[in-house]
Every structure is written in C-alpha cells, then in structure tokens.
Amino acid sequence: QVQLVESGGGLVQAGGSLRLSCAASGRTFSLYAMGWFRQAPGKERQFVAVITRSGDNTYYKDSVKGRFTISRDNAANTVYLQMNNLKPEDTAVYYCARKGGSDWSNWGQGTQVTVST
C-alpha cells in the first residue's frame, strides 16, 4: 500500500507563496497520475490540480489557474504544488492523492495552508 506524505503548509499573508510537496513510498510512482485537493472548514473536499504520469499534461481548478503550478519528479517520487499570489479563500487542508484507474485511491494525511489578510 502506497503512503503519501504532504509537507510545506503553513501560515502566509495574502499575496505570498508556498510550495507543497508530497512524497510517495514504493516503486510505482511514475505509473500513476497524481493530484492535489483541498478542504476548507465546513466545505467538501475539492479538486485543485492533476498531473499525468509523465508530467506532460496538467489540469487546474479554474480559480487557481495562473497562480498554482503542479509538477512532479518521478526520480524522487514526489509531486509538488507551487502556490503563488495566495488568497484568503485558498485557506484549507491540502491533500495529495494517487489516481488508480478511475478513482483517487490513495490519500495523504493533509497539510494546513492558512492565508491571512
């Protein structure tokens, strides 16, 4: 069973930047698409970004396009989320996930991102 461990969250002022990392265990990292999701208090978990196995293609939630960048390093078994120009509405727990088939089958424990005004 793969384990995903997120890091890099924290408290930042509006307009600031953070880079989240998600390290995966095992030897099959490059075989799966990876994604980032977030969940704000009292709200459902929502999709943020996804990157294909090779990293050639990426897709984003509309509200983060142009501000967030997802990337991966298959040699390091790590996926990243660079977040720039952060807004208070980006405050949430951010999760990385691995896509197995049609489902997001494996999840990390999450990392808190708080954006202050």
N, C-alpha and C. Protein backbone atom coordinates (compact mmCIF):
# COMPACT_ATOMS: atom_id res chain seq x y z
N GLN A 1 0.85 -1.18 0.00
CA GLN A 1 0.00 0.00 0.00
C GLN A 1 0.89 1.24 0.00
N VAL A 2 0.66 2.13 -0.96
CA VAL A 2 1.48 3.33 -1.05
C VAL A 2 1.15 4.27 0.10
N GLN A 3 2.14 4.99 0.55
CA GLN A 3 1.94 6.03 1.55
C GLN A 3 2.32 7.36 0.93
N LEU A 4 1.48 8.36 1.17
CA LEU A 4 1.69 9.70 0.67
C LEU A 4 1.84 10.63 1.86
N VAL A 5 2.90 11.44 1.86
CA VAL A 5 3.17 12.34 2.98
C VAL A 5 3.35 13.75 2.44
N GLU A 6 2.43 14.63 2.81
CA GLU A 6 2.50 16.03 2.39
C GLU A 6 3.31 16.85 3.37
N SER A 7 3.90 17.91 2.86
CA SER A 7 4.62 18.87 3.70
C SER A 7 4.62 20.22 3.00
N GLY A 8 5.01 21.25 3.74
CA GLY A 8 5.17 22.57 3.14
C GLY A 8 4.06 23.55 3.45
N GLY A 9 3.04 23.11 4.15
CA GLY A 9 1.98 24.04 4.50
C GLY A 9 2.43 25.03 5.56
N GLY A 10 1.57 25.99 5.83
CA GLY A 10 1.90 26.99 6.85
C GLY A 10 1.00 28.19 6.77
N LEU A 11 1.42 29.24 7.48
CA LEU A 11 0.69 30.50 7.52
C LEU A 11 1.42 31.52 6.64
N VAL A 12 0.67 32.15 5.75
CA VAL A 12 1.27 33.12 4.84
C VAL A 12 0.29 34.27 4.64
N GLN A 13 0.82 35.45 4.38
CA GLN A 13 -0.04 36.60 4.11
C GLN A 13 -0.57 36.53 2.68
N ALA A 14 -1.71 37.15 2.48
CA ALA A 14 -2.27 37.23 1.14
C ALA A 14 -1.23 37.82 0.18
N GLY A 15 -1.15 37.21 -1.00
CA GLY A 15 -0.15 37.61 -1.98
C GLY A 15 1.15 36.82 -1.89
N GLY A 16 1.30 36.06 -0.84
CA GLY A 16 2.51 35.28 -0.65
C GLY A 16 2.48 33.96 -1.39
N SER A 17 3.51 33.17 -1.16
CA SER A 17 3.68 31.90 -1.87
C SER A 17 4.02 30.78 -0.90
N LEU A 18 3.64 29.59 -1.28
CA LEU A 18 4.04 28.37 -0.58
C LEU A 18 4.27 27.28 -1.62
N ARG A 19 5.12 26.34 -1.29
CA ARG A 19 5.33 25.17 -2.14
C ARG A 19 5.05 23.93 -1.33
N LEU A 20 4.04 23.19 -1.73
CA LEU A 20 3.72 21.94 -1.08
C LEU A 20 4.44 20.80 -1.78
N SER A 21 4.82 19.81 -0.98
CA SER A 21 5.43 18.60 -1.50
C SER A 21 4.64 17.39 -1.02
N CYS A 22 4.66 16.34 -1.82
CA CYS A 22 4.02 15.08 -1.45
C CYS A 22 4.96 13.96 -1.86
N ALA A 23 5.50 13.29 -0.87
CA ALA A 23 6.43 12.19 -1.12
C ALA A 23 5.67 10.86 -1.05
N ALA A 24 5.91 10.03 -2.05
CA ALA A 24 5.24 8.74 -2.13
C ALA A 24 6.21 7.60 -1.88
N SER A 25 5.73 6.59 -1.19
CA SER A 25 6.55 5.40 -0.98
C SER A 25 6.38 4.46 -2.17
N GLY A 26 7.25 3.46 -2.24
CA GLY A 26 7.11 2.44 -3.27
C GLY A 26 7.85 2.76 -4.55
N ARG A 27 7.68 1.86 -5.52
CA ARG A 27 8.44 1.95 -6.76
C ARG A 27 7.58 2.21 -7.98
N THR A 28 6.31 2.51 -7.76
CA THR A 28 5.39 2.63 -8.89
C THR A 28 4.89 4.05 -9.10
N PHE A 29 5.54 5.01 -8.51
CA PHE A 29 5.07 6.40 -8.54
C PHE A 29 4.83 6.87 -9.96
N SER A 30 5.73 6.56 -10.87
CA SER A 30 5.64 7.08 -12.23
C SER A 30 4.52 6.45 -13.04
N LEU A 31 3.86 5.44 -12.49
CA LEU A 31 2.79 4.76 -13.22
C LEU A 31 1.42 5.41 -13.01
N TYR A 32 1.36 6.41 -12.14
CA TYR A 32 0.07 6.96 -11.75
C TYR A 32 0.01 8.47 -11.93
N ALA A 33 -1.16 8.94 -12.35
CA ALA A 33 -1.43 10.37 -12.27
C ALA A 33 -1.53 10.75 -10.80
N MET A 34 -1.17 11.98 -10.50
CA MET A 34 -1.21 12.48 -9.13
C MET A 34 -2.00 13.78 -9.09
N GLY A 35 -2.63 14.02 -7.96
CA GLY A 35 -3.44 15.22 -7.86
C GLY A 35 -3.34 15.88 -6.50
N TRP A 36 -3.79 17.12 -6.48
CA TRP A 36 -3.93 17.88 -5.23
C TRP A 36 -5.40 18.26 -5.06
N PHE A 37 -5.87 18.14 -3.83
CA PHE A 37 -7.22 18.51 -3.46
C PHE A 37 -7.13 19.39 -2.22
N ARG A 38 -8.21 20.05 -1.88
CA ARG A 38 -8.23 20.83 -0.65
C ARG A 38 -9.61 20.79 -0.02
N GLN A 39 -9.62 20.99 1.29
CA GLN A 39 -10.89 21.01 2.03
C GLN A 39 -10.85 22.13 3.05
N ALA A 40 -11.73 23.08 2.87
CA ALA A 40 -11.87 24.19 3.82
C ALA A 40 -12.86 23.79 4.91
N PRO A 41 -12.80 24.44 6.06
CA PRO A 41 -13.71 24.10 7.16
C PRO A 41 -15.17 24.21 6.73
N GLY A 42 -15.93 23.16 7.01
CA GLY A 42 -17.35 23.17 6.70
C GLY A 42 -17.68 22.96 5.23
N LYS A 43 -16.67 22.68 4.43
CA LYS A 43 -16.90 22.50 2.99
C LYS A 43 -16.42 21.13 2.54
N GLU A 44 -16.91 20.74 1.37
CA GLU A 44 -16.49 19.46 0.81
C GLU A 44 -15.09 19.57 0.22
N ARG A 45 -14.43 18.42 0.16
CA ARG A 45 -13.12 18.39 -0.49
C ARG A 45 -13.29 18.70 -1.98
N GLN A 46 -12.39 19.50 -2.51
CA GLN A 46 -12.50 19.89 -3.91
C GLN A 46 -11.19 19.68 -4.65
N PHE A 47 -11.32 19.40 -5.92
CA PHE A 47 -10.16 19.21 -6.80
C PHE A 47 -9.41 20.53 -6.98
N VAL A 48 -8.09 20.44 -7.01
CA VAL A 48 -7.26 21.62 -7.26
C VAL A 48 -6.46 21.46 -8.56
N ALA A 49 -5.74 20.34 -8.68
CA ALA A 49 -4.89 20.17 -9.86
C ALA A 49 -4.55 18.70 -10.02
N VAL A 50 -4.23 18.32 -11.24
CA VAL A 50 -3.80 16.95 -11.53
C VAL A 50 -2.68 17.00 -12.55
N ILE A 51 -1.80 16.01 -12.46
CA ILE A 51 -0.70 15.91 -13.42
C ILE A 51 -0.63 14.46 -13.89
N THR A 52 -0.40 14.29 -15.18
CA THR A 52 -0.34 12.94 -15.75
C THR A 52 0.94 12.23 -15.33
N ARG A 53 1.02 10.96 -15.67
CA ARG A 53 2.13 10.13 -15.21
C ARG A 53 3.49 10.69 -15.62
N SER A 54 3.56 11.14 -16.85
CA SER A 54 4.85 11.65 -17.34
C SER A 54 5.08 13.10 -16.97
N GLY A 55 4.03 13.76 -16.55
CA GLY A 55 4.13 15.18 -16.25
C GLY A 55 3.88 16.08 -17.45
N ASP A 56 3.53 15.48 -18.59
CA ASP A 56 3.35 16.26 -19.81
C ASP A 56 2.08 17.11 -19.81
N ASN A 57 1.10 16.66 -19.05
CA ASN A 57 -0.18 17.37 -19.04
C ASN A 57 -0.63 17.68 -17.62
N THR A 58 -1.20 18.85 -17.46
CA THR A 58 -1.72 19.28 -16.18
C THR A 58 -3.08 19.94 -16.36
N TYR A 59 -3.90 19.89 -15.32
CA TYR A 59 -5.23 20.49 -15.34
C TYR A 59 -5.48 21.12 -13.98
N TYR A 60 -6.21 22.24 -13.99
CA TYR A 60 -6.40 23.01 -12.76
C TYR A 60 -7.84 23.41 -12.56
N LYS A 61 -8.18 23.57 -11.30
CA LYS A 61 -9.43 24.23 -10.93
C LYS A 61 -9.34 25.67 -11.45
N ASP A 62 -10.45 26.15 -11.98
CA ASP A 62 -10.44 27.47 -12.61
C ASP A 62 -9.89 28.56 -11.69
N SER A 63 -10.25 28.52 -10.43
CA SER A 63 -9.89 29.62 -9.54
C SER A 63 -8.41 29.66 -9.20
N VAL A 64 -7.65 28.61 -9.53
CA VAL A 64 -6.22 28.61 -9.23
C VAL A 64 -5.36 28.72 -10.49
N LYS A 65 -5.99 28.69 -11.65
CA LYS A 65 -5.23 28.79 -12.90
C LYS A 65 -4.44 30.08 -12.93
N GLY A 66 -3.18 29.97 -13.33
CA GLY A 66 -2.30 31.15 -13.40
C GLY A 66 -1.62 31.47 -12.08
N ARG A 67 -2.08 30.84 -10.99
CA ARG A 67 -1.46 31.08 -9.68
C ARG A 67 -0.77 29.83 -9.13
N PHE A 68 -1.33 28.67 -9.39
CA PHE A 68 -0.78 27.41 -8.89
C PHE A 68 -0.15 26.62 -10.03
N THR A 69 0.91 25.89 -9.71
CA THR A 69 1.56 25.02 -10.68
C THR A 69 1.84 23.66 -10.05
N ILE A 70 1.33 22.62 -10.68
CA ILE A 70 1.62 21.26 -10.23
C ILE A 70 2.77 20.71 -11.06
N SER A 71 3.66 19.99 -10.40
CA SER A 71 4.79 19.38 -11.10
C SER A 71 5.15 18.10 -10.37
N ARG A 72 6.00 17.30 -10.99
CA ARG A 72 6.42 16.05 -10.35
C ARG A 72 7.85 15.73 -10.72
N ASP A 73 8.47 14.99 -9.83
CA ASP A 73 9.82 14.46 -10.06
C ASP A 73 9.72 12.96 -9.84
N ASN A 74 9.63 12.21 -10.92
CA ASN A 74 9.43 10.77 -10.80
C ASN A 74 10.65 10.07 -10.21
N ALA A 75 11.82 10.62 -10.40
CA ALA A 75 13.01 10.02 -9.80
C ALA A 75 13.00 10.16 -8.28
N ALA A 76 12.33 11.19 -7.80
CA ALA A 76 12.28 11.45 -6.36
C ALA A 76 10.94 11.02 -5.75
N ASN A 77 10.07 10.44 -6.56
CA ASN A 77 8.75 10.00 -6.06
C ASN A 77 7.99 11.14 -5.37
N THR A 78 8.03 12.31 -5.96
CA THR A 78 7.46 13.48 -5.31
C THR A 78 6.65 14.31 -6.30
N VAL A 79 5.51 14.78 -5.82
CA VAL A 79 4.70 15.73 -6.58
C VAL A 79 4.65 17.03 -5.78
N TYR A 80 4.62 18.14 -6.52
CA TYR A 80 4.68 19.46 -5.89
C TYR A 80 3.46 20.30 -6.29
N LEU A 81 3.17 21.27 -5.45
CA LEU A 81 2.18 22.29 -5.79
C LEU A 81 2.76 23.64 -5.41
N GLN A 82 3.18 24.39 -6.40
CA GLN A 82 3.66 25.75 -6.18
C GLN A 82 2.47 26.68 -6.18
N MET A 83 2.29 27.41 -5.11
CA MET A 83 1.13 28.29 -4.96
C MET A 83 1.61 29.72 -4.81
N ASN A 84 1.27 30.55 -5.77
CA ASN A 84 1.66 31.96 -5.76
C ASN A 84 0.43 32.84 -5.64
N ASN A 85 0.65 34.09 -5.24
CA ASN A 85 -0.44 35.05 -5.10
C ASN A 85 -1.60 34.44 -4.32
N LEU A 86 -1.29 33.90 -3.18
CA LEU A 86 -2.30 33.23 -2.38
C LEU A 86 -3.35 34.21 -1.87
N LYS A 87 -4.58 33.70 -1.76
CA LYS A 87 -5.71 34.49 -1.31
C LYS A 87 -6.32 33.85 -0.07
N PRO A 88 -7.00 34.62 0.75
CA PRO A 88 -7.62 34.03 1.95
C PRO A 88 -8.53 32.85 1.62
N GLU A 89 -9.17 32.88 0.47
CA GLU A 89 -10.06 31.78 0.10
C GLU A 89 -9.31 30.50 -0.28
N ASP A 90 -7.99 30.56 -0.35
CA ASP A 90 -7.20 29.36 -0.56
C ASP A 90 -6.94 28.61 0.75
N THR A 91 -7.33 29.18 1.86
CA THR A 91 -7.14 28.54 3.15
C THR A 91 -7.88 27.21 3.20
N ALA A 92 -7.15 26.15 3.52
CA ALA A 92 -7.73 24.80 3.54
C ALA A 92 -6.65 23.81 3.96
N VAL A 93 -7.09 22.60 4.21
CA VAL A 93 -6.16 21.49 4.31
C VAL A 93 -5.97 20.94 2.90
N TYR A 94 -4.72 20.83 2.48
CA TYR A 94 -4.39 20.36 1.15
C TYR A 94 -3.92 18.90 1.22
N TYR A 95 -4.49 18.10 0.32
CA TYR A 95 -4.19 16.68 0.26
C TYR A 95 -3.63 16.31 -1.11
N CYS A 96 -2.66 15.43 -1.13
CA CYS A 96 -2.28 14.84 -2.40
C CYS A 96 -2.93 13.46 -2.50
N ALA A 97 -3.10 13.02 -3.73
CA ALA A 97 -3.77 11.75 -3.97
C ALA A 97 -3.20 11.09 -5.22
N ARG A 98 -3.28 9.77 -5.24
CA ARG A 98 -2.85 9.00 -6.38
C ARG A 98 -4.08 8.44 -7.08
N LYS A 99 -4.06 8.52 -8.40
CA LYS A 99 -5.21 8.03 -9.16
C LYS A 99 -4.96 6.60 -9.61
N GLY A 100 -5.80 5.70 -9.12
CA GLY A 100 -5.76 4.31 -9.53
C GLY A 100 -6.96 4.00 -10.39
N GLY A 101 -6.75 3.82 -11.67
CA GLY A 101 -7.88 3.60 -12.56
C GLY A 101 -8.71 4.87 -12.66
N SER A 102 -10.00 4.77 -12.39
CA SER A 102 -10.87 5.94 -12.47
C SER A 102 -11.06 6.62 -11.13
N ASP A 103 -10.49 6.06 -10.07
CA ASP A 103 -10.70 6.60 -8.73
C ASP A 103 -9.41 7.17 -8.15
N TRP A 104 -9.59 8.10 -7.23
CA TRP A 104 -8.47 8.58 -6.42
C TRP A 104 -8.37 7.62 -5.24
N SER A 105 -7.44 6.70 -5.32
CA SER A 105 -7.45 5.54 -4.43
C SER A 105 -6.57 5.69 -3.20
N ASN A 106 -5.63 6.60 -3.21
CA ASN A 106 -4.73 6.75 -2.08
C ASN A 106 -4.59 8.23 -1.75
N TRP A 107 -4.62 8.52 -0.45
CA TRP A 107 -4.59 9.91 0.02
C TRP A 107 -3.54 10.10 1.09
N GLY A 108 -2.97 11.28 1.14
CA GLY A 108 -2.11 11.66 2.23
C GLY A 108 -2.91 12.15 3.42
N GLN A 109 -2.19 12.56 4.46
CA GLN A 109 -2.86 12.99 5.70
C GLN A 109 -3.24 14.46 5.66
N GLY A 110 -2.71 15.19 4.69
CA GLY A 110 -3.03 16.60 4.53
C GLY A 110 -2.04 17.53 5.21
N THR A 111 -1.98 18.75 4.68
CA THR A 111 -1.15 19.80 5.27
C THR A 111 -1.96 21.10 5.25
N GLN A 112 -1.93 21.81 6.36
CA GLN A 112 -2.76 23.01 6.50
C GLN A 112 -2.10 24.21 5.82
N VAL A 113 -2.89 24.91 5.04
CA VAL A 113 -2.48 26.18 4.45
C VAL A 113 -3.44 27.25 4.94
N THR A 114 -2.88 28.28 5.56
CA THR A 114 -3.69 29.38 6.07
C THR A 114 -3.17 30.68 5.47
N VAL A 115 -4.07 31.41 4.82
CA VAL A 115 -3.70 32.68 4.19
C VAL A 115 -4.41 33.79 4.93
N SER A 116 -3.63 34.69 5.49
CA SER A 116 -4.19 35.79 6.27
C SER A 116 -4.34 37.04 5.40
N THR A 117 -5.24 37.91 5.80
CA THR A 117 -5.46 39.16 5.07
C THR A 117 -4.47 40.22 5.50
